[in-house]
Amino acid sequence: MRAEAVKLGQALLDPHRAVTAKNPPPAGRKIIPSQYTIPYSKLCQQAGVGHVLRIVGSFLGEIAEWCSANGYPPLTALAVNARTSLPGEGYDGAGGPAPMRPYSLTSVIGNVRTWASAGVDEVWAAS
């Protein structure tokens, strides 16, 4: 993965770690997706790669491929358009040959639960 993709991936995991530390998403409790998502512009700024905002999708694609290759749901579901609060057009189908589920609030909630219980933060740091 290119250095920008690693920085973006970490910037996606950092808020996720902070939110789940304060309020773990146990089964049966409602998850509010907006607590976990981050607009592309803020993501790039927090990752220190503001210069890639216009082409952030190519780096998010690398993250989606890493997630797919390692058996995780797409971390990139957390990166959204500030106006629509949804991932951009490139989200569906990102991550290589394995088809991804189309974006939905249900898939984000499932992904949040998976990341919180699977220790993705530690795996990401080791990759």
N, C-alpha and C. Protein backbone atom coordinates (compact mmCIF):
# COMPACT_ATOMS: atom_id res chain seq x y z
N MET A 1 0.84 -1.18 0.00
CA MET A 1 0.00 0.00 0.00
C MET A 1 0.88 1.24 0.00
N ARG A 2 0.41 2.23 -0.71
CA ARG A 2 1.15 3.49 -0.71
C ARG A 2 1.02 4.16 0.67
N ALA A 3 1.99 4.99 0.99
CA ALA A 3 2.03 5.64 2.30
C ALA A 3 0.76 6.44 2.58
N GLU A 4 0.21 7.08 1.56
CA GLU A 4 -1.02 7.86 1.75
C GLU A 4 -2.18 6.96 2.17
N ALA A 5 -2.25 5.77 1.58
CA ALA A 5 -3.33 4.84 1.93
C ALA A 5 -3.20 4.38 3.38
N VAL A 6 -1.98 4.12 3.81
CA VAL A 6 -1.76 3.71 5.21
C VAL A 6 -2.19 4.83 6.15
N LYS A 7 -1.83 6.07 5.83
CA LYS A 7 -2.21 7.20 6.68
C LYS A 7 -3.72 7.38 6.71
N LEU A 8 -4.37 7.22 5.54
CA LEU A 8 -5.83 7.34 5.48
C LEU A 8 -6.50 6.22 6.28
N GLY A 9 -5.98 5.01 6.16
CA GLY A 9 -6.53 3.89 6.92
C GLY A 9 -6.43 4.12 8.41
N GLN A 10 -5.30 4.64 8.84
CA GLN A 10 -5.14 4.92 10.27
C GLN A 10 -6.09 6.04 10.70
N ALA A 11 -6.27 7.04 9.84
CA ALA A 11 -7.19 8.14 10.17
C ALA A 11 -8.64 7.65 10.21
N LEU A 12 -8.96 6.57 9.52
CA LEU A 12 -10.29 5.98 9.63
C LEU A 12 -10.43 5.20 10.92
N LEU A 13 -9.38 4.53 11.32
CA LEU A 13 -9.43 3.71 12.53
C LEU A 13 -9.37 4.53 13.82
N ASP A 14 -8.67 5.65 13.82
CA ASP A 14 -8.51 6.43 15.04
C ASP A 14 -9.86 6.87 15.64
N PRO A 15 -10.76 7.51 14.84
CA PRO A 15 -12.05 7.90 15.42
C PRO A 15 -12.88 6.68 15.81
N HIS A 16 -12.78 5.61 15.01
CA HIS A 16 -13.51 4.38 15.32
C HIS A 16 -13.07 3.86 16.69
N ARG A 17 -11.77 3.85 16.93
CA ARG A 17 -11.23 3.39 18.21
C ARG A 17 -11.74 4.27 19.35
N ALA A 18 -11.73 5.58 19.14
CA ALA A 18 -12.17 6.51 20.19
C ALA A 18 -13.65 6.32 20.52
N VAL A 19 -14.48 6.18 19.49
CA VAL A 19 -15.92 6.02 19.71
C VAL A 19 -16.21 4.69 20.38
N THR A 20 -15.61 3.61 19.90
CA THR A 20 -15.90 2.30 20.48
C THR A 20 -15.33 2.17 21.89
N ALA A 21 -14.27 2.90 22.21
CA ALA A 21 -13.73 2.86 23.57
C ALA A 21 -14.71 3.49 24.55
N LYS A 22 -15.37 4.57 24.12
CA LYS A 22 -16.33 5.25 24.98
C LYS A 22 -17.67 4.53 25.03
N ASN A 23 -18.06 3.94 23.91
CA ASN A 23 -19.39 3.36 23.80
C ASN A 23 -19.33 2.10 22.94
N PRO A 24 -18.85 0.97 23.48
CA PRO A 24 -18.74 -0.25 22.68
C PRO A 24 -20.09 -0.64 22.08
N PRO A 25 -20.10 -1.12 20.85
CA PRO A 25 -21.37 -1.46 20.21
C PRO A 25 -21.80 -2.90 20.50
N PRO A 26 -22.40 -3.16 21.67
CA PRO A 26 -22.82 -4.53 21.97
C PRO A 26 -24.00 -4.95 21.09
N ALA A 27 -24.13 -6.22 20.91
CA ALA A 27 -25.24 -6.75 20.11
C ALA A 27 -26.56 -6.27 20.71
N GLY A 28 -27.45 -5.90 19.85
CA GLY A 28 -28.76 -5.47 20.29
C GLY A 28 -28.89 -3.99 20.57
N ARG A 29 -27.79 -3.27 20.68
CA ARG A 29 -27.87 -1.83 20.90
C ARG A 29 -27.79 -1.10 19.58
N LYS A 30 -28.49 -0.02 19.50
CA LYS A 30 -28.52 0.76 18.27
C LYS A 30 -27.19 1.49 18.06
N ILE A 31 -26.68 1.42 16.84
CA ILE A 31 -25.47 2.15 16.46
C ILE A 31 -25.88 3.31 15.58
N ILE A 32 -25.35 4.48 15.86
CA ILE A 32 -25.62 5.66 15.05
C ILE A 32 -24.44 5.83 14.09
N PRO A 33 -24.63 5.49 12.79
CA PRO A 33 -23.51 5.50 11.85
C PRO A 33 -22.76 6.83 11.79
N SER A 34 -23.45 7.94 11.98
CA SER A 34 -22.76 9.24 11.88
C SER A 34 -21.70 9.41 12.96
N GLN A 35 -21.77 8.62 14.04
CA GLN A 35 -20.73 8.69 15.06
C GLN A 35 -19.43 8.06 14.57
N TYR A 36 -19.52 7.23 13.55
CA TYR A 36 -18.36 6.48 13.07
C TYR A 36 -17.82 6.97 11.73
N THR A 37 -18.63 7.69 10.96
CA THR A 37 -18.21 8.11 9.63
C THR A 37 -17.44 9.43 9.69
N ILE A 38 -16.69 9.69 8.60
CA ILE A 38 -15.88 10.90 8.52
C ILE A 38 -15.90 11.40 7.07
N PRO A 39 -16.16 12.69 6.87
CA PRO A 39 -16.15 13.23 5.50
C PRO A 39 -14.75 13.15 4.89
N TYR A 40 -14.71 12.98 3.57
CA TYR A 40 -13.44 12.84 2.86
C TYR A 40 -12.47 13.98 3.19
N SER A 41 -12.96 15.21 3.21
CA SER A 41 -12.07 16.35 3.44
C SER A 41 -11.44 16.29 4.82
N LYS A 42 -12.24 15.96 5.83
CA LYS A 42 -11.73 15.86 7.19
C LYS A 42 -10.78 14.67 7.31
N LEU A 43 -11.10 13.57 6.64
CA LEU A 43 -10.24 12.39 6.64
C LEU A 43 -8.86 12.73 6.10
N CYS A 44 -8.83 13.39 4.94
CA CYS A 44 -7.55 13.75 4.33
C CYS A 44 -6.76 14.70 5.23
N GLN A 45 -7.48 15.65 5.83
CA GLN A 45 -6.83 16.61 6.72
C GLN A 45 -6.24 15.90 7.94
N GLN A 46 -7.01 15.02 8.58
CA GLN A 46 -6.53 14.33 9.77
C GLN A 46 -5.39 13.37 9.45
N ALA A 47 -5.39 12.83 8.23
CA ALA A 47 -4.32 11.92 7.83
C ALA A 47 -3.07 12.67 7.39
N GLY A 48 -3.18 13.99 7.24
CA GLY A 48 -2.04 14.78 6.79
C GLY A 48 -1.74 14.63 5.32
N VAL A 49 -2.79 14.29 4.54
CA VAL A 49 -2.62 14.11 3.10
C VAL A 49 -3.67 14.91 2.34
N GLY A 50 -3.84 16.16 2.72
CA GLY A 50 -4.83 17.02 2.08
C GLY A 50 -4.65 17.12 0.57
N HIS A 51 -3.44 16.91 0.11
CA HIS A 51 -3.15 17.03 -1.32
C HIS A 51 -3.79 15.92 -2.15
N VAL A 52 -4.32 14.86 -1.53
CA VAL A 52 -4.92 13.76 -2.29
C VAL A 52 -6.45 13.81 -2.30
N LEU A 53 -7.05 14.88 -1.78
CA LEU A 53 -8.51 14.94 -1.66
C LEU A 53 -9.21 14.64 -2.98
N ARG A 54 -8.76 15.22 -4.06
CA ARG A 54 -9.42 15.03 -5.36
C ARG A 54 -9.27 13.62 -5.92
N ILE A 55 -8.29 12.87 -5.42
CA ILE A 55 -8.06 11.50 -5.91
C ILE A 55 -8.07 10.49 -4.76
N VAL A 56 -8.75 10.83 -3.67
CA VAL A 56 -8.74 9.98 -2.48
C VAL A 56 -9.29 8.59 -2.78
N GLY A 57 -10.16 8.47 -3.75
CA GLY A 57 -10.76 7.17 -4.07
C GLY A 57 -9.74 6.10 -4.42
N SER A 58 -8.66 6.48 -5.10
CA SER A 58 -7.67 5.46 -5.46
C SER A 58 -6.98 4.90 -4.22
N PHE A 59 -6.77 5.74 -3.23
CA PHE A 59 -6.15 5.29 -1.98
C PHE A 59 -7.14 4.48 -1.14
N LEU A 60 -8.40 4.91 -1.15
CA LEU A 60 -9.42 4.15 -0.42
C LEU A 60 -9.60 2.78 -1.06
N GLY A 61 -9.43 2.69 -2.39
CA GLY A 61 -9.48 1.40 -3.06
C GLY A 61 -8.41 0.45 -2.56
N GLU A 62 -7.22 0.98 -2.29
CA GLU A 62 -6.14 0.15 -1.74
C GLU A 62 -6.52 -0.38 -0.36
N ILE A 63 -7.16 0.47 0.44
CA ILE A 63 -7.59 0.05 1.77
C ILE A 63 -8.66 -1.03 1.65
N ALA A 64 -9.60 -0.85 0.73
CA ALA A 64 -10.66 -1.84 0.53
C ALA A 64 -10.06 -3.18 0.08
N GLU A 65 -9.05 -3.13 -0.77
CA GLU A 65 -8.39 -4.36 -1.21
C GLU A 65 -7.70 -5.06 -0.04
N TRP A 66 -7.03 -4.27 0.83
CA TRP A 66 -6.40 -4.85 2.01
C TRP A 66 -7.44 -5.52 2.89
N CYS A 67 -8.56 -4.84 3.13
CA CYS A 67 -9.62 -5.41 3.96
C CYS A 67 -10.13 -6.72 3.37
N SER A 68 -10.38 -6.72 2.06
CA SER A 68 -10.87 -7.92 1.38
C SER A 68 -9.87 -9.06 1.49
N ALA A 69 -8.60 -8.75 1.26
CA ALA A 69 -7.56 -9.78 1.29
C ALA A 69 -7.37 -10.37 2.68
N ASN A 70 -7.71 -9.59 3.70
CA ASN A 70 -7.53 -10.04 5.08
C ASN A 70 -8.83 -10.49 5.73
N GLY A 71 -9.90 -10.58 4.94
CA GLY A 71 -11.16 -11.10 5.45
C GLY A 71 -11.96 -10.14 6.31
N TYR A 72 -11.72 -8.85 6.15
CA TYR A 72 -12.47 -7.86 6.92
C TYR A 72 -13.46 -7.13 6.03
N PRO A 73 -14.52 -6.61 6.63
CA PRO A 73 -15.42 -5.75 5.85
C PRO A 73 -14.70 -4.46 5.50
N PRO A 74 -15.17 -3.76 4.50
CA PRO A 74 -14.45 -2.57 4.03
C PRO A 74 -14.44 -1.42 5.03
N LEU A 75 -13.27 -1.12 5.52
CA LEU A 75 -13.06 0.02 6.40
C LEU A 75 -13.48 1.32 5.73
N THR A 76 -13.41 1.32 4.42
CA THR A 76 -13.72 2.52 3.65
C THR A 76 -15.19 2.93 3.74
N ALA A 77 -16.03 2.09 4.32
CA ALA A 77 -17.43 2.45 4.52
C ALA A 77 -17.56 3.66 5.44
N LEU A 78 -16.51 3.93 6.21
CA LEU A 78 -16.55 5.06 7.14
C LEU A 78 -16.26 6.40 6.48
N ALA A 79 -15.70 6.38 5.28
CA ALA A 79 -15.37 7.62 4.57
C ALA A 79 -16.56 8.03 3.71
N VAL A 80 -17.07 9.25 3.94
CA VAL A 80 -18.30 9.68 3.27
C VAL A 80 -18.20 11.08 2.68
N ASN A 81 -19.10 11.36 1.78
CA ASN A 81 -19.27 12.69 1.22
C ASN A 81 -19.95 13.55 2.30
N ALA A 82 -19.42 14.73 2.56
CA ALA A 82 -19.96 15.58 3.63
C ALA A 82 -21.41 15.99 3.36
N ARG A 83 -21.76 16.17 2.13
CA ARG A 83 -23.11 16.62 1.77
C ARG A 83 -24.14 15.50 1.90
N THR A 84 -23.80 14.30 1.44
CA THR A 84 -24.76 13.21 1.41
C THR A 84 -24.64 12.24 2.58
N SER A 85 -23.52 12.26 3.28
CA SER A 85 -23.22 11.32 4.36
C SER A 85 -23.15 9.88 3.87
N LEU A 86 -22.83 9.70 2.59
CA LEU A 86 -22.68 8.39 1.98
C LEU A 86 -21.33 8.31 1.29
N PRO A 87 -20.78 7.10 1.15
CA PRO A 87 -19.56 6.96 0.36
C PRO A 87 -19.82 7.33 -1.10
N GLY A 88 -18.77 7.67 -1.81
CA GLY A 88 -18.91 8.05 -3.22
C GLY A 88 -19.18 6.85 -4.12
N GLU A 89 -19.33 7.12 -5.40
CA GLU A 89 -19.67 6.10 -6.39
C GLU A 89 -18.67 4.95 -6.41
N GLY A 90 -17.41 5.22 -6.16
CA GLY A 90 -16.39 4.19 -6.24
C GLY A 90 -16.44 3.17 -5.12
N TYR A 91 -17.26 3.41 -4.10
CA TYR A 91 -17.30 2.47 -2.97
C TYR A 91 -17.81 1.11 -3.39
N ASP A 92 -18.93 1.05 -4.10
CA ASP A 92 -19.48 -0.24 -4.54
C ASP A 92 -18.52 -0.88 -5.52
N GLY A 93 -18.08 -2.07 -5.18
CA GLY A 93 -17.17 -2.78 -6.06
C GLY A 93 -15.70 -2.59 -5.73
N ALA A 94 -15.37 -1.72 -4.79
CA ALA A 94 -13.97 -1.54 -4.41
C ALA A 94 -13.52 -2.76 -3.63
N GLY A 95 -12.24 -3.03 -3.68
CA GLY A 95 -11.70 -4.12 -2.88
C GLY A 95 -11.35 -5.36 -3.67
N GLY A 96 -11.28 -5.23 -4.97
CA GLY A 96 -10.83 -6.37 -5.78
C GLY A 96 -11.96 -7.19 -6.34
N PRO A 97 -11.65 -8.42 -6.72
CA PRO A 97 -12.61 -9.23 -7.45
C PRO A 97 -13.81 -9.70 -6.63
N ALA A 98 -13.66 -9.81 -5.32
CA ALA A 98 -14.79 -10.25 -4.52
C ALA A 98 -15.83 -9.14 -4.46
N PRO A 99 -17.05 -9.40 -4.88
CA PRO A 99 -18.06 -8.33 -4.87
C PRO A 99 -18.40 -7.94 -3.44
N MET A 100 -18.56 -6.64 -3.23
CA MET A 100 -18.94 -6.14 -1.91
C MET A 100 -20.42 -5.89 -1.91
N ARG A 101 -20.99 -5.92 -0.72
CA ARG A 101 -22.39 -5.54 -0.60
C ARG A 101 -22.50 -4.06 -0.91
N PRO A 102 -23.57 -3.66 -1.54
CA PRO A 102 -23.76 -2.21 -1.72
C PRO A 102 -23.81 -1.53 -0.36
N TYR A 103 -23.42 -0.28 -0.33
CA TYR A 103 -23.39 0.49 0.91
C TYR A 103 -24.81 0.62 1.47
N SER A 104 -24.93 0.41 2.74
CA SER A 104 -26.19 0.65 3.44
C SER A 104 -25.86 0.90 4.89
N LEU A 105 -26.78 1.50 5.59
CA LEU A 105 -26.56 1.73 7.02
C LEU A 105 -26.40 0.41 7.75
N THR A 106 -27.12 -0.61 7.30
CA THR A 106 -27.01 -1.92 7.91
C THR A 106 -25.60 -2.48 7.75
N SER A 107 -25.00 -2.29 6.55
CA SER A 107 -23.66 -2.82 6.35
C SER A 107 -22.65 -2.06 7.20
N VAL A 108 -22.82 -0.75 7.36
CA VAL A 108 -21.92 0.02 8.22
C VAL A 108 -22.02 -0.46 9.65
N ILE A 109 -23.23 -0.68 10.13
CA ILE A 109 -23.42 -1.16 11.50
C ILE A 109 -22.76 -2.52 11.68
N GLY A 110 -22.94 -3.40 10.71
CA GLY A 110 -22.29 -4.71 10.78
C GLY A 110 -20.78 -4.58 10.77
N ASN A 111 -20.26 -3.67 9.94
CA ASN A 111 -18.82 -3.46 9.86
C ASN A 111 -18.28 -2.92 11.18
N VAL A 112 -18.98 -1.97 11.78
CA VAL A 112 -18.54 -1.39 13.05
C VAL A 112 -18.46 -2.48 14.11
N ARG A 113 -19.47 -3.33 14.16
CA ARG A 113 -19.46 -4.42 15.14
C ARG A 113 -18.28 -5.36 14.88
N THR A 114 -18.02 -5.67 13.61
CA THR A 114 -16.92 -6.57 13.28
C THR A 114 -15.58 -5.96 13.67
N TRP A 115 -15.36 -4.69 13.29
CA TRP A 115 -14.08 -4.05 13.62
C TRP A 115 -13.89 -3.95 15.12
N ALA A 116 -14.96 -3.67 15.85
CA ALA A 116 -14.84 -3.51 17.30
C ALA A 116 -14.49 -4.84 17.98
N SER A 117 -14.99 -5.94 17.43
CA SER A 117 -14.75 -7.23 18.09
C SER A 117 -13.54 -7.97 17.54
N ALA A 118 -13.03 -7.59 16.37
CA ALA A 118 -11.97 -8.37 15.73
C ALA A 118 -10.57 -7.82 15.94
N GLY A 119 -10.43 -6.71 16.61
CA GLY A 119 -9.10 -6.16 16.83
C GLY A 119 -8.43 -5.68 15.55
N VAL A 120 -9.21 -5.10 14.64
CA VAL A 120 -8.65 -4.65 13.36
C VAL A 120 -7.57 -3.59 13.60
N ASP A 121 -7.71 -2.78 14.63
CA ASP A 121 -6.70 -1.76 14.91
C ASP A 121 -5.32 -2.39 15.05
N GLU A 122 -5.25 -3.49 15.80
CA GLU A 122 -3.97 -4.14 16.03
C GLU A 122 -3.45 -4.79 14.74
N VAL A 123 -4.35 -5.39 13.97
CA VAL A 123 -3.94 -6.03 12.72
C VAL A 123 -3.42 -4.99 11.74
N TRP A 124 -4.11 -3.89 11.64
CA TRP A 124 -3.72 -2.83 10.73
C TRP A 124 -2.32 -2.32 11.07
N ALA A 125 -2.06 -2.12 12.35
CA ALA A 125 -0.77 -1.61 12.80
C ALA A 125 0.36 -2.58 12.45
N ALA A 126 0.05 -3.86 12.41
CA ALA A 126 1.07 -4.88 12.13
C ALA A 126 1.32 -5.08 10.65
N SER A 127 0.44 -4.55 9.79
CA SER A 127 0.59 -4.81 8.35
C SER A 127 1.58 -3.88 7.70
